Amino acid sequence: MTEPAPPGLPPLADTDLPESVAEVIAAWPYKLHRTLAHSPATLLKWLPYGEHILLANALPFREREIAILRVGWNARCAYEWGMHSIVARRGGFEDADFEALCVGAASERWSEGEAAVVAAVDDMQARWTISEGVWARLAAHYTPDQLVDLVWLSGNFMTISLQLNALRVPLEDGLPPLPADRPHYTRANRS
């Protein structure tokens, strides 16, 4: 008896890529993009938006990565966590930042604004909105364009995490693992 194929789609090899996405894959050679290339027209429409949201939105780098990594943590998306752990570490994140991402907004590691970003991501993933209290905290630290971009960024990475998990995109080689459990790093026991 033949084993059924696992759910999901395999990333396309160079020989199987539609010609229309060859240039995109040369710039973004990741398994995510190779998997999304099964729908080349959608990949080509999404990528300019995705590039803007990732690289050119109004949020500072640190807040962008906090939001992306918290989305990945909440979604239990090993690929997203691993890829953006590398990006964040290159941008100055330390071990304590990653521990705090697993703990949440209550971690003393965060500034007030950063804690509000974590709380907003949690609200959006749990409630599909941002609660009034969290919104007030965000608005005290971020401009209207940054608030809009936080929602766009979080929503985009929620979609990406869904794609990665649902399509069973294999991990890139050498990614840091998604922590298996929440570390014991809270306001009560912070050194």
C-alpha atoms as a PDB file:
ATOM      1  CA  MET A   1       0.000   0.000   0.000  1.00  0.00           C
ATOM      2  CA  THR A   2       1.292   3.418  -0.955  1.00  0.00           C
ATOM      3  CA  GLU A   3       1.585   6.077   1.751  1.00  0.00           C
ATOM      4  CA  PRO A   4      -0.568   9.131   1.018  1.00  0.00           C
ATOM      5  CA  ALA A   5       1.329  12.302   0.241  1.00  0.00           C
ATOM      6  CA  PRO A   6       1.544  14.691   3.189  1.00  0.00           C
ATOM      7  CA  PRO A   7      -0.745  17.702   2.963  1.00  0.00           C
ATOM      8  CA  GLY A   8       0.781  20.866   1.596  1.00  0.00           C
ATOM      9  CA  LEU A   9       2.689  21.791  -1.516  1.00  0.00           C
ATOM     10  CA  PRO A  10       6.383  21.296  -2.209  1.00  0.00           C
ATOM     11  CA  PRO A  11       8.470  24.364  -3.070  1.00  0.00           C
ATOM     12  CA  LEU A  12       9.062  24.490  -6.816  1.00  0.00           C
ATOM     13  CA  ALA A  13      12.523  23.607  -8.103  1.00  0.00           C
ATOM     14  CA  ASP A  14      14.194  25.958 -10.579  1.00  0.00           C
ATOM     15  CA  THR A  15      13.232  23.655 -13.455  1.00  0.00           C
ATOM     16  CA  ASP A  16       9.551  23.777 -12.434  1.00  0.00           C
ATOM     17  CA  LEU A  17       9.211  27.531 -11.900  1.00  0.00           C
ATOM     18  CA  PRO A  18       6.953  29.409 -14.289  1.00  0.00           C
ATOM     19  CA  GLU A  19       9.024  31.827 -16.351  1.00  0.00           C
ATOM     20  CA  SER A  20       6.910  34.719 -15.059  1.00  0.00           C
ATOM     21  CA  VAL A  21       8.330  34.328 -11.529  1.00  0.00           C
ATOM     22  CA  ALA A  22      11.971  33.523 -12.330  1.00  0.00           C
ATOM     23  CA  GLU A  23      13.120  37.089 -11.569  1.00  0.00           C
ATOM     24  CA  VAL A  24      11.158  37.186  -8.304  1.00  0.00           C
ATOM     25  CA  ILE A  25      12.631  33.886  -7.148  1.00  0.00           C
ATOM     26  CA  ALA A  26      16.129  35.113  -8.006  1.00  0.00           C
ATOM     27  CA  ALA A  27      15.553  38.022  -5.591  1.00  0.00           C
ATOM     28  CA  TRP A  28      13.554  36.020  -3.017  1.00  0.00           C
ATOM     29  CA  PRO A  29      14.897  32.428  -3.317  1.00  0.00           C
ATOM     30  CA  TYR A  30      13.154  31.132  -0.205  1.00  0.00           C
ATOM     31  CA  LYS A  31      10.956  28.065   0.148  1.00  0.00           C
ATOM     32  CA  LEU A  32       7.992  30.314   0.993  1.00  0.00           C
ATOM     33  CA  HIS A  33       8.221  32.115  -2.344  1.00  0.00           C
ATOM     34  CA  ARG A  34       8.936  28.877  -4.224  1.00  0.00           C
ATOM     35  CA  THR A  35       5.781  27.393  -2.702  1.00  0.00           C
ATOM     36  CA  LEU A  36       3.674  30.460  -3.446  1.00  0.00           C
ATOM     37  CA  ALA A  37       4.949  30.235  -7.047  1.00  0.00           C
ATOM     38  CA  HIS A  38       2.343  27.490  -7.540  1.00  0.00           C
ATOM     39  CA  SER A  39       0.065  30.523  -8.023  1.00  0.00           C
ATOM     40  CA  PRO A  40       2.370  32.811 -10.014  1.00  0.00           C
ATOM     41  CA  ALA A  41      -0.118  35.610 -10.684  1.00  0.00           C
ATOM     42  CA  THR A  42      -0.957  35.933  -6.983  1.00  0.00           C
ATOM     43  CA  LEU A  43       2.715  35.853  -5.975  1.00  0.00           C
ATOM     44  CA  LEU A  44       3.506  38.634  -8.452  1.00  0.00           C
ATOM     45  CA  LYS A  45       0.643  40.823  -7.171  1.00  0.00           C
ATOM     46  CA  TRP A  46       1.366  40.199  -3.478  1.00  0.00           C
ATOM     47  CA  LEU A  47       5.132  40.679  -3.500  1.00  0.00           C
ATOM     48  CA  PRO A  48       5.301  44.490  -4.062  1.00  0.00           C
ATOM     49  CA  TYR A  49       2.852  44.959  -1.183  1.00  0.00           C
ATOM     50  CA  GLY A  50       4.751  42.490   0.982  1.00  0.00           C
ATOM     51  CA  GLU A  51       8.072  44.208   0.256  1.00  0.00           C
ATOM     52  CA  HIS A  52       6.621  47.586   1.218  1.00  0.00           C
ATOM     53  CA  ILE A  53       5.066  46.262   4.426  1.00  0.00           C
ATOM     54  CA  LEU A  54       8.295  44.513   5.409  1.00  0.00           C
ATOM     55  CA  LEU A  55      10.881  47.086   4.373  1.00  0.00           C
ATOM     56  CA  ALA A  56       9.330  50.518   3.967  1.00  0.00           C
ATOM     57  CA  ASN A  57       6.437  51.036   6.339  1.00  0.00           C
ATOM     58  CA  ALA A  58       6.386  53.829   8.940  1.00  0.00           C
ATOM     59  CA  LEU A  59       7.192  51.681  11.986  1.00  0.00           C
ATOM     60  CA  PRO A  60      10.763  51.604  13.271  1.00  0.00           C
ATOM     61  CA  PHE A  61      12.693  48.399  12.586  1.00  0.00           C
ATOM     62  CA  ARG A  62      12.521  47.205  16.194  1.00  0.00           C
ATOM     63  CA  GLU A  63       8.737  47.506  16.440  1.00  0.00           C
ATOM     64  CA  ARG A  64       8.301  45.852  13.033  1.00  0.00           C
ATOM     65  CA  GLU A  65      10.318  42.835  14.129  1.00  0.00           C
ATOM     66  CA  ILE A  66       8.612  42.669  17.533  1.00  0.00           C
ATOM     67  CA  ALA A  67       5.234  42.524  15.764  1.00  0.00           C
ATOM     68  CA  ILE A  68       6.356  39.946  13.178  1.00  0.00           C
ATOM     69  CA  LEU A  69       7.977  37.692  15.748  1.00  0.00           C
ATOM     70  CA  ARG A  70       4.992  37.902  18.102  1.00  0.00           C
ATOM     71  CA  VAL A  71       2.693  36.932  15.216  1.00  0.00           C
ATOM     72  CA  GLY A  72       4.985  33.986  14.478  1.00  0.00           C
ATOM     73  CA  TRP A  73       5.056  32.964  18.148  1.00  0.00           C
ATOM     74  CA  ASN A  74       1.276  33.165  18.534  1.00  0.00           C
ATOM     75  CA  ALA A  75       0.727  31.258  15.277  1.00  0.00           C
ATOM     76  CA  ARG A  76       3.331  28.664  16.312  1.00  0.00           C
ATOM     77  CA  CYS A  77       4.943  29.266  12.937  1.00  0.00           C
ATOM     78  CA  ALA A  78       8.479  27.881  13.126  1.00  0.00           C
ATOM     79  CA  TYR A  79       9.422  29.234   9.685  1.00  0.00           C
ATOM     80  CA  GLU A  80       8.367  32.817  10.480  1.00  0.00           C
ATOM     81  CA  TRP A  81       9.985  32.747  13.910  1.00  0.00           C
ATOM     82  CA  GLY A  82      13.227  31.332  12.524  1.00  0.00           C
ATOM     83  CA  MET A  83      13.567  33.698   9.576  1.00  0.00           C
ATOM     84  CA  HIS A  84      12.778  36.813  11.568  1.00  0.00           C
ATOM     85  CA  SER A  85      14.906  35.737  14.529  1.00  0.00           C
ATOM     86  CA  ILE A  86      17.859  36.013  12.165  1.00  0.00           C
ATOM     87  CA  VAL A  87      16.722  39.406  10.849  1.00  0.00           C
ATOM     88  CA  ALA A  88      16.053  40.727  14.354  1.00  0.00           C
ATOM     89  CA  ARG A  89      19.364  39.496  15.742  1.00  0.00           C
ATOM     90  CA  ARG A  90      21.209  41.220  12.896  1.00  0.00           C
ATOM     91  CA  GLY A  91      19.328  44.373  13.886  1.00  0.00           C
ATOM     92  CA  GLY A  92      20.433  44.214  17.509  1.00  0.00           C
ATOM     93  CA  PHE A  93      17.952  41.935  19.270  1.00  0.00           C
ATOM     94  CA  GLU A  94      19.399  40.034  22.220  1.00  0.00           C
ATOM     95  CA  ASP A  95      18.456  36.734  23.847  1.00  0.00           C
ATOM     96  CA  ALA A  96      16.358  38.612  26.420  1.00  0.00           C
ATOM     97  CA  ASP A  97      14.284  40.148  23.586  1.00  0.00           C
ATOM     98  CA  PHE A  98      13.421  36.690  22.237  1.00  0.00           C
ATOM     99  CA  GLU A  99      12.558  35.471  25.723  1.00  0.00           C
ATOM    100  CA  ALA A 100      10.309  38.517  26.197  1.00  0.00           C
ATOM    101  CA  LEU A 101       8.562  37.812  22.887  1.00  0.00           C
ATOM    102  CA  CYS A 102       7.540  34.430  24.255  1.00  0.00           C
ATOM    103  CA  VAL A 103       6.319  35.932  27.534  1.00  0.00           C
ATOM    104  CA  GLY A 104       4.284  38.756  26.010  1.00  0.00           C
ATOM    105  CA  ALA A 105       3.404  42.317  26.885  1.00  0.00           C
ATOM    106  CA  ALA A 106       3.905  41.708  30.636  1.00  0.00           C
ATOM    107  CA  SER A 107       7.653  41.273  30.194  1.00  0.00           C
ATOM    108  CA  GLU A 108       9.612  44.067  31.805  1.00  0.00           C
ATOM    109  CA  ARG A 109      12.011  43.944  28.868  1.00  0.00           C
ATOM    110  CA  TRP A 110       9.725  46.157  26.760  1.00  0.00           C
ATOM    111  CA  SER A 111       9.386  49.906  26.704  1.00  0.00           C
ATOM    112  CA  GLU A 112       5.783  51.066  27.147  1.00  0.00           C
ATOM    113  CA  GLY A 113       5.374  51.448  23.382  1.00  0.00           C
ATOM    114  CA  GLU A 114       6.891  48.050  22.623  1.00  0.00           C
ATOM    115  CA  ALA A 115       4.644  46.383  25.218  1.00  0.00           C
ATOM    116  CA  ALA A 116       1.671  48.037  23.511  1.00  0.00           C
ATOM    117  CA  VAL A 117       2.791  46.585  20.152  1.00  0.00           C
ATOM    118  CA  VAL A 118       2.941  43.084  21.665  1.00  0.00           C
ATOM    119  CA  ALA A 119      -0.482  43.569  23.288  1.00  0.00           C
ATOM    120  CA  ALA A 120      -1.938  44.850  19.995  1.00  0.00           C
ATOM    121  CA  VAL A 121      -0.683  41.802  18.086  1.00  0.00           C
ATOM    122  CA  ASP A 122      -2.158  39.548  20.764  1.00  0.00           C
ATOM    123  CA  ASP A 123      -5.493  41.380  20.536  1.00  0.00           C
ATOM    124  CA  MET A 124      -5.577  41.175  16.742  1.00  0.00           C
ATOM    125  CA  GLN A 125      -4.847  37.458  16.744  1.00  0.00           C
ATOM    126  CA  ALA A 126      -7.245  36.622  19.563  1.00  0.00           C
ATOM    127  CA  ARG A 127     -10.077  39.095  18.920  1.00  0.00           C
ATOM    128  CA  TRP A 128      -9.645  40.402  15.373  1.00  0.00           C
ATOM    129  CA  THR A 129      -9.498  43.947  16.761  1.00  0.00           C
ATOM    130  CA  ILE A 130      -7.469  46.061  19.175  1.00  0.00           C
ATOM    131  CA  SER A 131      -9.079  46.706  22.548  1.00  0.00           C
ATOM    132  CA  GLU A 132      -9.698  50.282  23.667  1.00  0.00           C
ATOM    133  CA  GLY A 133      -7.083  50.109  26.420  1.00  0.00           C
ATOM    134  CA  VAL A 134      -4.380  48.766  24.120  1.00  0.00           C
ATOM    135  CA  TRP A 135      -5.324  51.290  21.443  1.00  0.00           C
ATOM    136  CA  ALA A 136      -4.888  54.138  23.949  1.00  0.00           C
ATOM    137  CA  ARG A 137      -1.451  52.778  24.884  1.00  0.00           C
ATOM    138  CA  LEU A 138      -0.424  52.542  21.234  1.00  0.00           C
ATOM    139  CA  ALA A 139      -1.727  56.013  20.392  1.00  0.00           C
ATOM    140  CA  ALA A 140       0.398  57.502  23.185  1.00  0.00           C
ATOM    141  CA  HIS A 141       3.585  56.283  21.449  1.00  0.00           C
ATOM    142  CA  TYR A 142       2.947  56.049  17.721  1.00  0.00           C
ATOM    143  CA  THR A 143       1.746  58.365  14.953  1.00  0.00           C
ATOM    144  CA  PRO A 144      -1.391  57.636  12.917  1.00  0.00           C
ATOM    145  CA  ASP A 145       0.638  56.360   9.945  1.00  0.00           C
ATOM    146  CA  GLN A 146       2.572  54.032  12.240  1.00  0.00           C
ATOM    147  CA  LEU A 147      -0.686  52.713  13.729  1.00  0.00           C
ATOM    148  CA  VAL A 148      -2.085  51.981  10.277  1.00  0.00           C
ATOM    149  CA  ASP A 149       1.148  50.285   9.260  1.00  0.00           C
ATOM    150  CA  LEU A 150       1.179  48.181  12.452  1.00  0.00           C
ATOM    151  CA  VAL A 151      -2.223  46.772  11.518  1.00  0.00           C
ATOM    152  CA  TRP A 152      -1.150  46.168   7.891  1.00  0.00           C
ATOM    153  CA  LEU A 153       2.125  44.569   8.998  1.00  0.00           C
ATOM    154  CA  SER A 154       0.479  42.310  11.559  1.00  0.00           C
ATOM    155  CA  GLY A 155      -2.276  41.279   9.159  1.00  0.00           C
ATOM    156  CA  ASN A 156       0.209  40.525   6.394  1.00  0.00           C
ATOM    157  CA  PHE A 157       2.322  38.353   8.672  1.00  0.00           C
ATOM    158  CA  MET A 158      -0.761  36.601  10.047  1.00  0.00           C
ATOM    159  CA  THR A 159      -1.533  35.697   6.429  1.00  0.00           C
ATOM    160  CA  ILE A 160       2.044  34.600   5.796  1.00  0.00           C
ATOM    161  CA  SER A 161       2.060  32.478   8.960  1.00  0.00           C
ATOM    162  CA  LEU A 162      -1.201  30.877   7.834  1.00  0.00           C
ATOM    163  CA  GLN A 163       0.284  30.147   4.410  1.00  0.00           C
ATOM    164  CA  LEU A 164       3.456  28.696   5.905  1.00  0.00           C
ATOM    165  CA  ASN A 165       1.575  26.489   8.354  1.00  0.00           C
ATOM    166  CA  ALA A 166      -1.285  25.438   6.059  1.00  0.00           C
ATOM    167  CA  LEU A 167       0.873  24.762   3.003  1.00  0.00           C
ATOM    168  CA  ARG A 168       3.451  22.999   5.210  1.00  0.00           C
ATOM    169  CA  VAL A 169       6.339  24.992   3.785  1.00  0.00           C
ATOM    170  CA  PRO A 170       9.561  23.239   4.816  1.00  0.00           C
ATOM    171  CA  LEU A 171      11.979  25.187   6.985  1.00  0.00           C
ATOM    172  CA  GLU A 172      15.018  26.852   5.490  1.00  0.00           C
ATOM    173  CA  ASP A 173      18.278  25.217   6.536  1.00  0.00           C
ATOM    174  CA  GLY A 174      19.841  26.548   9.716  1.00  0.00           C
ATOM    175  CA  LEU A 175      16.869  28.440  11.146  1.00  0.00           C
ATOM    176  CA  PRO A 176      16.763  29.016  14.898  1.00  0.00           C
ATOM    177  CA  PRO A 177      13.992  26.830  16.334  1.00  0.00           C
ATOM    178  CA  LEU A 178      10.675  28.053  17.623  1.00  0.00           C
ATOM    179  CA  PRO A 179      10.878  27.786  21.415  1.00  0.00           C
ATOM    180  CA  ALA A 180       8.906  24.802  22.653  1.00  0.00           C
ATOM    181  CA  ASP A 181       7.537  26.576  25.693  1.00  0.00           C
ATOM    182  CA  ARG A 182       7.321  29.999  27.238  1.00  0.00           C
ATOM    183  CA  PRO A 183      10.474  30.848  29.198  1.00  0.00           C
ATOM    184  CA  HIS A 184      10.094  31.932  32.795  1.00  0.00           C
ATOM    185  CA  TYR A 185      10.991  35.563  32.174  1.00  0.00           C
ATOM    186  CA  THR A 186       8.525  37.924  33.821  1.00  0.00           C
ATOM    187  CA  ARG A 187       8.479  41.129  35.793  1.00  0.00           C
ATOM    188  CA  ALA A 188       8.570  39.102  39.017  1.00  0.00           C
ATOM    189  CA  ASN A 189      11.835  37.271  38.295  1.00  0.00           C
ATOM    190  CA  ARG A 190      13.724  39.563  35.951  1.00  0.00           C
ATOM    191  CA  SER A 191      17.331  40.071  36.991  1.00  0.00           C
END
